[in-house]
Amino acid sequence: MAVLSLVLRQRTDRDAQPNSRFRAAVFCLNLDVSTHMTHFKLFFSTLLFFTLSGCTQQASNLADTYSLLYKGFPDAQYSQEEIQALPYASIYARLGDGPRGFLVLAYAEPFSHNQTALKWMSADSEVIETVSGRIVKTLKLPGTNLAKLDSDTPDPLALGLLNPTTPANWQFRIDFVPGYHFGYNASSTFENKGADQVAINGIMRDAVFFEETVTISALNHTYTNQYWLAPTSGKVLKTIQYPAPNMDAISISFLKAYQGAQ
């Protein structure tokens, strides 16, 4: 097994200037090599250091994080107290059957139909971007990446799947790379599967479970996304999605919610 790290430059004391803001992250690629197949596994381990008004808030210790490279890539695990102590929104994310990583919100930007795009980013600009719980873009993940998702109509996830007037069907377009895969039309249908429970950081939460069947006719390709919604607010608690053809599923658990405009 070969292990490649996309970020292996340790920050030293001289890198941190007074009253500066900086992020440090480890975004590792676990590369299993065999005769017939190369299987990529993604590991996110995000560390965040903030110096605001002369007060430093440290998310974790760099030495502890670098040691993860040699311990079989365990799942990231943070207590509720640690998560709430951070002043930024956070998620757990997992690509395929790789280890679970911890990501902190880097940017919140306007998106179409008066929505907000949340960008979960590493120090070297690897990105998972979500809108209302849907993955709308990825960048620098191993293999295929979703370059763009857009639609002429609002996403039912944004309208609220628990709203009885929200349509169950939706059409959108995706671009994905590598290759020239642009403007593929996709259609989706949501189905309410009823009440369920889902574990979020070890705590069982009541949820309403939805499945979304997505079809890209031009590629003769169909896949199913899953969403667990909070019964009262309708916000996504957890999701498992295939952002584009030839991509492994990405599982996201939303830990600390973004408090800005949605």
C-alpha atoms as a PDB file:
ATOM      1  CA  MET A   1       0.000   0.000   0.000  1.00  0.00           C
ATOM      2  CA  ALA A   2       1.281   3.419  -0.949  1.00  0.00           C
ATOM      3  CA  VAL A   3       0.180   6.481   0.970  1.00  0.00           C
ATOM      4  CA  LEU A   4       0.245   9.865  -0.722  1.00  0.00           C
ATOM      5  CA  SER A   5      -0.318  13.073   1.224  1.00  0.00           C
ATOM      6  CA  LEU A   6      -1.474  16.172  -0.593  1.00  0.00           C
ATOM      7  CA  VAL A   7      -0.460  18.348   2.336  1.00  0.00           C
ATOM      8  CA  LEU A   8       2.810  17.454   4.036  1.00  0.00           C
ATOM      9  CA  ARG A   9       4.221  20.805   4.905  1.00  0.00           C
ATOM     10  CA  GLN A  10       4.146  21.281   8.645  1.00  0.00           C
ATOM     11  CA  ARG A  11       3.544  24.795   9.855  1.00  0.00           C
ATOM     12  CA  THR A  12       6.212  26.110  12.185  1.00  0.00           C
ATOM     13  CA  ASP A  13       6.103  28.965  14.651  1.00  0.00           C
ATOM     14  CA  ARG A  14       7.619  31.305  12.106  1.00  0.00           C
ATOM     15  CA  ASP A  15       4.724  30.591   9.718  1.00  0.00           C
ATOM     16  CA  ALA A  16       2.194  32.012  12.157  1.00  0.00           C
ATOM     17  CA  GLN A  17       2.383  35.801  12.259  1.00  0.00           C
ATOM     18  CA  PRO A  18       0.650  37.802  15.008  1.00  0.00           C
ATOM     19  CA  ASN A  19      -2.971  38.741  14.254  1.00  0.00           C
ATOM     20  CA  SER A  20      -2.994  36.575  11.135  1.00  0.00           C
ATOM     21  CA  ARG A  21      -5.639  34.117  10.002  1.00  0.00           C
ATOM     22  CA  PHE A  22      -4.646  30.819   8.576  1.00  0.00           C
ATOM     23  CA  ARG A  23      -5.922  27.304   8.110  1.00  0.00           C
ATOM     24  CA  ALA A  24      -3.933  24.103   8.305  1.00  0.00           C
ATOM     25  CA  ALA A  25      -5.380  20.905   6.938  1.00  0.00           C
ATOM     26  CA  VAL A  26      -4.307  17.423   6.101  1.00  0.00           C
ATOM     27  CA  PHE A  27      -6.070  15.969   3.082  1.00  0.00           C
ATOM     28  CA  CYS A  28      -4.693  12.524   2.445  1.00  0.00           C
ATOM     29  CA  LEU A  29      -5.091  10.035  -0.339  1.00  0.00           C
ATOM     30  CA  ASN A  30      -4.922   6.372   0.515  1.00  0.00           C
ATOM     31  CA  LEU A  31      -3.827   4.584  -2.652  1.00  0.00           C
ATOM     32  CA  ASP A  32      -4.255   0.812  -2.836  1.00  0.00           C
ATOM     33  CA  VAL A  33      -2.326  -0.596  -5.800  1.00  0.00           C
ATOM     34  CA  SER A  34      -2.989  -4.047  -7.270  1.00  0.00           C
ATOM     35  CA  THR A  35      -2.285  -5.762 -10.596  1.00  0.00           C
ATOM     36  CA  HIS A  36      -5.707  -5.127 -12.082  1.00  0.00           C
ATOM     37  CA  MET A  37      -7.175  -2.200 -10.204  1.00  0.00           C
ATOM     38  CA  THR A  38      -6.281   1.031  -8.472  1.00  0.00           C
ATOM     39  CA  HIS A  39      -8.731   1.966  -5.761  1.00  0.00           C
ATOM     40  CA  PHE A  40      -8.746   5.428  -4.335  1.00  0.00           C
ATOM     41  CA  LYS A  41      -9.812   6.260  -0.843  1.00  0.00           C
ATOM     42  CA  LEU A  42     -10.157   9.780   0.410  1.00  0.00           C
ATOM     43  CA  PHE A  43      -9.338  10.887   3.906  1.00  0.00           C
ATOM     44  CA  PHE A  44     -10.189  14.327   5.172  1.00  0.00           C
ATOM     45  CA  SER A  45      -8.680  15.506   8.421  1.00  0.00           C
ATOM     46  CA  THR A  46      -9.172  19.230   8.791  1.00  0.00           C
ATOM     47  CA  LEU A  47      -7.438  21.301  11.426  1.00  0.00           C
ATOM     48  CA  LEU A  48      -8.365  24.900  11.869  1.00  0.00           C
ATOM     49  CA  PHE A  49      -6.337  27.598  13.575  1.00  0.00           C
ATOM     50  CA  PHE A  50      -7.863  31.042  13.887  1.00  0.00           C
ATOM     51  CA  THR A  51      -6.305  34.182  15.343  1.00  0.00           C
ATOM     52  CA  LEU A  52      -9.032  36.784  15.714  1.00  0.00           C
ATOM     53  CA  SER A  53      -8.478  39.968  17.694  1.00  0.00           C
ATOM     54  CA  GLY A  54      -5.369  38.461  19.211  1.00  0.00           C
ATOM     55  CA  CYS A  55      -7.234  35.396  20.519  1.00  0.00           C
ATOM     56  CA  THR A  56      -6.221  32.013  19.124  1.00  0.00           C
ATOM     57  CA  GLN A  57      -8.776  29.202  18.913  1.00  0.00           C
ATOM     58  CA  GLN A  58      -7.114  25.864  18.222  1.00  0.00           C
ATOM     59  CA  ALA A  59      -9.180  22.997  16.812  1.00  0.00           C
ATOM     60  CA  SER A  60      -6.568  20.269  17.304  1.00  0.00           C
ATOM     61  CA  ASN A  61      -2.860  19.616  17.520  1.00  0.00           C
ATOM     62  CA  LEU A  62      -0.794  19.270  14.347  1.00  0.00           C
ATOM     63  CA  ALA A  63       1.427  16.612  15.866  1.00  0.00           C
ATOM     64  CA  ASP A  64      -1.641  14.492  16.662  1.00  0.00           C
ATOM     65  CA  THR A  65      -2.921  14.888  13.122  1.00  0.00           C
ATOM     66  CA  TYR A  66       0.322  13.931  11.421  1.00  0.00           C
ATOM     67  CA  SER A  67       0.393  10.785  13.540  1.00  0.00           C
ATOM     68  CA  LEU A  68      -2.877   9.723  11.898  1.00  0.00           C
ATOM     69  CA  LEU A  69      -0.901   9.035   8.732  1.00  0.00           C
ATOM     70  CA  TYR A  70       0.647   6.024  10.419  1.00  0.00           C
ATOM     71  CA  LYS A  71      -2.299   4.557  12.309  1.00  0.00           C
ATOM     72  CA  GLY A  72      -4.330   2.981   9.533  1.00  0.00           C
ATOM     73  CA  PHE A  73      -6.409   6.073   8.793  1.00  0.00           C
ATOM     74  CA  PRO A  74      -8.978   5.858  11.614  1.00  0.00           C
ATOM     75  CA  ASP A  75     -12.277   7.699  11.277  1.00  0.00           C
ATOM     76  CA  ALA A  76     -12.211  11.261  12.563  1.00  0.00           C
ATOM     77  CA  GLN A  77     -14.083  11.544  15.848  1.00  0.00           C
ATOM     78  CA  TYR A  78     -14.810  14.707  17.812  1.00  0.00           C
ATOM     79  CA  SER A  79     -17.005  15.172  20.866  1.00  0.00           C
ATOM     80  CA  GLN A  80     -20.080  17.390  20.791  1.00  0.00           C
ATOM     81  CA  GLU A  81     -18.256  19.794  23.081  1.00  0.00           C
ATOM     82  CA  GLU A  82     -15.291  20.056  20.705  1.00  0.00           C
ATOM     83  CA  ILE A  83     -17.566  20.592  17.713  1.00  0.00           C
ATOM     84  CA  GLN A  84     -19.646  23.262  19.420  1.00  0.00           C
ATOM     85  CA  ALA A  85     -16.517  25.021  20.699  1.00  0.00           C
ATOM     86  CA  LEU A  86     -15.459  25.768  17.130  1.00  0.00           C
ATOM     87  CA  PRO A  87     -17.003  29.014  15.851  1.00  0.00           C
ATOM     88  CA  TYR A  88     -17.544  27.539  12.386  1.00  0.00           C
ATOM     89  CA  ALA A  89     -19.934  25.049  10.813  1.00  0.00           C
ATOM     90  CA  SER A  90     -18.580  21.527  10.392  1.00  0.00           C
ATOM     91  CA  ILE A  91     -19.334  18.171   8.798  1.00  0.00           C
ATOM     92  CA  TYR A  92     -18.100  14.621   8.671  1.00  0.00           C
ATOM     93  CA  ALA A  93     -17.462  13.413   5.105  1.00  0.00           C
ATOM     94  CA  ARG A  94     -16.564  10.051   3.644  1.00  0.00           C
ATOM     95  CA  LEU A  95     -15.715   9.157   0.017  1.00  0.00           C
ATOM     96  CA  GLY A  96     -16.665   5.596  -0.897  1.00  0.00           C
ATOM     97  CA  ASP A  97     -15.459   3.165   1.752  1.00  0.00           C
ATOM     98  CA  GLY A  98     -12.575   5.404   2.807  1.00  0.00           C
ATOM     99  CA  PRO A  99     -12.109   6.807   6.307  1.00  0.00           C
ATOM    100  CA  ARG A 100     -14.382   9.515   7.651  1.00  0.00           C
ATOM    101  CA  GLY A 101     -12.932  13.009   7.817  1.00  0.00           C
ATOM    102  CA  PHE A 102     -13.815  16.250   9.600  1.00  0.00           C
ATOM    103  CA  LEU A 103     -14.283  19.409   7.515  1.00  0.00           C
ATOM    104  CA  VAL A 104     -14.867  22.988   8.588  1.00  0.00           C
ATOM    105  CA  LEU A 105     -16.753  25.555   6.509  1.00  0.00           C
ATOM    106  CA  ALA A 106     -14.391  27.782   4.539  1.00  0.00           C
ATOM    107  CA  TYR A 107     -16.754  29.967   2.493  1.00  0.00           C
ATOM    108  CA  ALA A 108     -20.463  30.735   2.122  1.00  0.00           C
ATOM    109  CA  GLU A 109     -21.364  32.294  -1.234  1.00  0.00           C
ATOM    110  CA  PRO A 110     -24.548  33.215  -3.135  1.00  0.00           C
ATOM    111  CA  PHE A 111     -25.975  30.508  -5.372  1.00  0.00           C
ATOM    112  CA  SER A 112     -28.835  30.428  -7.865  1.00  0.00           C
ATOM    113  CA  HIS A 113     -32.473  30.793  -6.747  1.00  0.00           C
ATOM    114  CA  ASN A 114     -31.445  32.821  -3.679  1.00  0.00           C
ATOM    115  CA  GLN A 115     -29.617  29.898  -2.116  1.00  0.00           C
ATOM    116  CA  THR A 116     -26.261  29.813  -0.319  1.00  0.00           C
ATOM    117  CA  ALA A 117     -23.399  27.564  -1.395  1.00  0.00           C
ATOM    118  CA  LEU A 118     -21.285  26.203   1.453  1.00  0.00           C
ATOM    119  CA  LYS A 119     -17.698  25.347   0.558  1.00  0.00           C
ATOM    120  CA  TRP A 120     -15.912  22.801   2.719  1.00  0.00           C
ATOM    121  CA  MET A 121     -12.271  23.187   1.749  1.00  0.00           C
ATOM    122  CA  SER A 122      -8.809  21.889   2.603  1.00  0.00           C
ATOM    123  CA  ALA A 123      -5.647  23.987   2.735  1.00  0.00           C
ATOM    124  CA  ASP A 124      -4.764  22.888  -0.808  1.00  0.00           C
ATOM    125  CA  SER A 125      -8.209  23.796  -2.187  1.00  0.00           C
ATOM    126  CA  GLU A 126      -9.833  20.358  -2.340  1.00  0.00           C
ATOM    127  CA  VAL A 127     -13.532  21.210  -2.200  1.00  0.00           C
ATOM    128  CA  ILE A 128     -16.934  19.730  -1.473  1.00  0.00           C
ATOM    129  CA  GLU A 129     -19.617  22.355  -2.108  1.00  0.00           C
ATOM    130  CA  THR A 130     -23.185  21.899  -0.856  1.00  0.00           C
ATOM    131  CA  VAL A 131     -26.451  23.790  -1.282  1.00  0.00           C
ATOM    132  CA  SER A 132     -29.407  22.839   0.927  1.00  0.00           C
ATOM    133  CA  GLY A 133     -27.660  19.544   1.582  1.00  0.00           C
ATOM    134  CA  ARG A 134     -27.033  18.689  -2.078  1.00  0.00           C
ATOM    135  CA  ILE A 135     -23.490  18.351  -3.426  1.00  0.00           C
ATOM    136  CA  VAL A 136     -23.249  20.811  -6.319  1.00  0.00           C
ATOM    137  CA  LYS A 137     -19.502  20.794  -6.955  1.00  0.00           C
ATOM    138  CA  THR A 138     -16.307  18.968  -6.035  1.00  0.00           C
ATOM    139  CA  LEU A 139     -12.746  19.947  -6.813  1.00  0.00           C
ATOM    140  CA  LYS A 140      -9.471  18.021  -6.729  1.00  0.00           C
ATOM    141  CA  LEU A 141     -10.958  14.796  -5.418  1.00  0.00           C
ATOM    142  CA  PRO A 142      -9.299  11.655  -6.794  1.00  0.00           C
ATOM    143  CA  GLY A 143     -10.829  10.478 -10.068  1.00  0.00           C
ATOM    144  CA  THR A 144     -14.044  12.078 -11.309  1.00  0.00           C
ATOM    145  CA  ASN A 145     -15.194  15.484 -10.041  1.00  0.00           C
ATOM    146  CA  LEU A 146     -18.517  17.264 -10.354  1.00  0.00           C
ATOM    147  CA  ALA A 147     -17.660  20.544 -12.073  1.00  0.00           C
ATOM    148  CA  LYS A 148     -21.118  22.127 -12.067  1.00  0.00           C
ATOM    149  CA  LEU A 149     -24.756  21.498 -11.247  1.00  0.00           C
ATOM    150  CA  ASP A 150     -27.460  23.937 -12.294  1.00  0.00           C
ATOM    151  CA  SER A 151     -31.168  24.067 -13.001  1.00  0.00           C
ATOM    152  CA  ASP A 152     -33.831  26.428 -14.297  1.00  0.00           C
ATOM    153  CA  THR A 153     -36.024  25.652 -11.274  1.00  0.00           C
ATOM    154  CA  PRO A 154     -35.351  25.492  -7.530  1.00  0.00           C
ATOM    155  CA  ASP A 155     -34.164  22.227  -6.019  1.00  0.00           C
ATOM    156  CA  PRO A 156     -36.939  20.450  -4.065  1.00  0.00           C
ATOM    157  CA  LEU A 157     -34.386  20.148  -1.261  1.00  0.00           C
ATOM    158  CA  ALA A 158     -34.263  23.939  -1.108  1.00  0.00           C
ATOM    159  CA  LEU A 159     -38.054  24.261  -1.255  1.00  0.00           C
ATOM    160  CA  GLY A 160     -38.416  21.753   1.571  1.00  0.00           C
ATOM    161  CA  LEU A 161     -39.261  18.123   0.949  1.00  0.00           C
ATOM    162  CA  LEU A 162     -41.648  18.124   3.918  1.00  0.00           C
ATOM    163  CA  ASN A 163     -43.705  20.914   2.338  1.00  0.00           C
ATOM    164  CA  PRO A 164     -46.746  19.273   0.691  1.00  0.00           C
ATOM    165  CA  THR A 165     -46.584  21.700  -2.250  1.00  0.00           C
ATOM    166  CA  THR A 166     -42.961  20.869  -3.115  1.00  0.00           C
ATOM    167  CA  PRO A 167     -42.747  18.959  -6.409  1.00  0.00           C
ATOM    168  CA  ALA A 168     -41.389  15.425  -6.240  1.00  0.00           C
ATOM    169  CA  ASN A 169     -39.753  15.685  -9.669  1.00  0.00           C
ATOM    170  CA  TRP A 170     -36.852  17.875 -10.771  1.00  0.00           C
ATOM    171  CA  GLN A 171     -34.650  18.434 -13.811  1.00  0.00           C
ATOM    172  CA  PHE A 172     -31.082  19.704 -13.701  1.00  0.00           C
ATOM    173  CA  ARG A 173     -27.810  19.684 -15.623  1.00  0.00           C
ATOM    174  CA  ILE A 174     -24.359  18.522 -14.639  1.00  0.00           C
ATOM    175  CA  ASP A 175     -20.806  18.873 -15.925  1.00  0.00           C
ATOM    176  CA  PHE A 176     -18.150  16.458 -14.747  1.00  0.00           C
ATOM    177  CA  VAL A 177     -14.454  15.969 -15.371  1.00  0.00           C
ATOM    178  CA  PRO A 178     -12.024  14.676 -16.541  1.00  0.00           C
ATOM    179  CA  GLY A 179     -13.144  14.505 -20.142  1.00  0.00           C
ATOM    180  CA  TYR A 180     -15.611  16.682 -22.005  1.00  0.00           C
ATOM    181  CA  HIS A 181     -18.762  15.850 -20.060  1.00  0.00           C
ATOM    182  CA  PHE A 182     -20.797  19.039 -20.206  1.00  0.00           C
ATOM    183  CA  GLY A 183     -24.496  19.823 -20.057  1.00  0.00           C
ATOM    184  CA  TYR A 184     -25.839  16.357 -19.313  1.00  0.00           C
ATOM    185  CA  ASN A 185     -29.553  16.534 -18.531  1.00  0.00           C
ATOM    186  CA  ALA A 186     -30.631  14.686 -15.403  1.00  0.00           C
ATOM    187  CA  SER A 187     -34.082  14.039 -13.994  1.00  0.00           C
ATOM    188  CA  SER A 188     -34.825  13.072 -10.418  1.00  0.00           C
ATOM    189  CA  THR A 189     -37.769  11.801  -8.409  1.00  0.00           C
ATOM    190  CA  PHE A 190     -38.022  12.011  -4.625  1.00  0.00           C
ATOM    191  CA  GLU A 191     -39.863   9.435  -2.546  1.00  0.00           C
ATOM    192  CA  ASN A 192     -40.728   9.814   1.125  1.00  0.00           C
ATOM    193  CA  LYS A 193     -39.796   6.516   2.786  1.00  0.00           C
ATOM    194  CA  GLY A 194     -41.212   7.499   6.167  1.00  0.00           C
ATOM    195  CA  ALA A 195     -39.952   7.998   9.693  1.00  0.00           C
ATOM    196  CA  ASP A 196     -36.484   6.769  10.539  1.00  0.00           C
ATOM    197  CA  GLN A 197     -33.627   7.332  12.938  1.00  0.00           C
ATOM    198  CA  VAL A 198     -30.073   8.278  12.045  1.00  0.00           C
ATOM    199  CA  ALA A 199     -26.889   8.465  14.112  1.00  0.00           C
ATOM    200  CA  ILE A 200     -25.148  11.846  13.980  1.00  0.00           C
ATOM    201  CA  ASN A 201     -21.832  11.740  15.816  1.00  0.00           C
ATOM    202  CA  GLY A 202     -23.047   8.895  17.994  1.00  0.00           C
ATOM    203  CA  ILE A 203     -26.388  10.507  18.875  1.00  0.00           C
ATOM    204  CA  MET A 204     -29.590   8.970  17.500  1.00  0.00           C
ATOM    205  CA  ARG A 205     -31.831  11.552  15.855  1.00  0.00           C
ATOM    206  CA  ASP A 206     -35.397  11.243  14.630  1.00  0.00           C
ATOM    207  CA  ALA A 207     -35.568  11.789  10.889  1.00  0.00           C
ATOM    208  CA  VAL A 208     -37.702  11.517   7.781  1.00  0.00           C
ATOM    209  CA  PHE A 209     -35.976   9.397   5.159  1.00  0.00           C
ATOM    210  CA  PHE A 210     -36.124  10.294   1.453  1.00  0.00           C
ATOM    211  CA  GLU A 211     -34.694   8.540  -1.567  1.00  0.00           C
ATOM    212  CA  GLU A 212     -33.966  10.384  -4.807  1.00  0.00           C
ATOM    213  CA  THR A 213     -33.694   8.402  -8.031  1.00  0.00           C
ATOM    214  CA  VAL A 214     -31.579  10.249 -10.606  1.00  0.00           C
ATOM    215  CA  THR A 215     -31.531   9.292 -14.286  1.00  0.00           C
ATOM    216  CA  ILE A 216     -29.166  10.584 -16.979  1.00  0.00           C
ATOM    217  CA  SER A 217     -30.800   9.237 -20.129  1.00  0.00           C
ATOM    218  CA  ALA A 218     -27.965  10.141 -22.496  1.00  0.00           C
ATOM    219  CA  LEU A 219     -25.631   7.880 -20.514  1.00  0.00           C
ATOM    220  CA  ASN A 220     -28.233   5.240 -19.671  1.00  0.00           C
ATOM    221  CA  HIS A 221     -27.213   5.816 -16.066  1.00  0.00           C
ATOM    222  CA  THR A 222     -29.378   5.733 -12.927  1.00  0.00           C
ATOM    223  CA  TYR A 223     -28.372   6.110  -9.287  1.00  0.00           C
ATOM    224  CA  THR A 224     -30.046   6.686  -5.931  1.00  0.00           C
ATOM    225  CA  ASN A 225     -29.281   9.405  -3.383  1.00  0.00           C
ATOM    226  CA  GLN A 226     -30.420   9.244   0.231  1.00  0.00           C
ATOM    227  CA  TYR A 227     -31.384  12.029   2.628  1.00  0.00           C
ATOM    228  CA  TRP A 228     -32.317  12.030   6.312  1.00  0.00           C
ATOM    229  CA  LEU A 229     -34.224  15.200   7.209  1.00  0.00           C
ATOM    230  CA  ALA A 230     -35.021  16.764  10.575  1.00  0.00           C
ATOM    231  CA  PRO A 231     -38.784  16.238  11.100  1.00  0.00           C
ATOM    232  CA  THR A 232     -39.436  19.821  12.208  1.00  0.00           C
ATOM    233  CA  SER A 233     -37.097  22.024  10.164  1.00  0.00           C
ATOM    234  CA  GLY A 234     -36.755  19.745   7.138  1.00  0.00           C
ATOM    235  CA  LYS A 235     -33.010  20.388   7.006  1.00  0.00           C
ATOM    236  CA  VAL A 236     -30.696  17.621   5.899  1.00  0.00           C
ATOM    237  CA  LEU A 237     -29.062  15.825   8.827  1.00  0.00           C
ATOM    238  CA  LYS A 238     -27.230  13.227   6.774  1.00  0.00           C
ATOM    239  CA  THR A 239     -26.962  12.343   3.108  1.00  0.00           C
ATOM    240  CA  ILE A 240     -25.335   9.761   0.849  1.00  0.00           C
ATOM    241  CA  GLN A 241     -25.000  11.011  -2.721  1.00  0.00           C
ATOM    242  CA  TYR A 242     -23.451  10.108  -6.052  1.00  0.00           C
ATOM    243  CA  PRO A 243     -22.559  13.574  -7.381  1.00  0.00           C
ATOM    244  CA  ALA A 244     -21.797  12.373 -10.936  1.00  0.00           C
ATOM    245  CA  PRO A 245     -21.356   9.195 -12.976  1.00  0.00           C
ATOM    246  CA  ASN A 246     -18.166   7.280 -12.197  1.00  0.00           C
ATOM    247  CA  MET A 247     -17.920   8.886  -8.751  1.00  0.00           C
ATOM    248  CA  ASP A 248     -17.973   6.981  -5.490  1.00  0.00           C
ATOM    249  CA  ALA A 249     -20.736   7.908  -3.088  1.00  0.00           C
ATOM    250  CA  ILE A 250     -20.003  10.770  -0.715  1.00  0.00           C
ATOM    251  CA  SER A 251     -21.538  10.488   2.753  1.00  0.00           C
ATOM    252  CA  ILE A 252     -21.992  13.708   4.726  1.00  0.00           C
ATOM    253  CA  SER A 253     -23.199  14.181   8.300  1.00  0.00           C
ATOM    254  CA  PHE A 254     -23.937  17.796   9.184  1.00  0.00           C
ATOM    255  CA  LEU A 255     -22.551  18.445  12.661  1.00  0.00           C
ATOM    256  CA  LYS A 256     -22.724  22.156  13.420  1.00  0.00           C
ATOM    257  CA  ALA A 257     -25.106  24.096  11.195  1.00  0.00           C
ATOM    258  CA  TYR A 258     -24.184  27.207   9.267  1.00  0.00           C
ATOM    259  CA  GLN A 259     -26.024  30.095  10.902  1.00  0.00           C
ATOM    260  CA  GLY A 260     -26.099  32.510   7.968  1.00  0.00           C
ATOM    261  CA  ALA A 261     -28.815  32.979   5.383  1.00  0.00           C
ATOM    262  CA  GLN A 262     -29.927  29.753   3.739  1.00  0.00           C
END
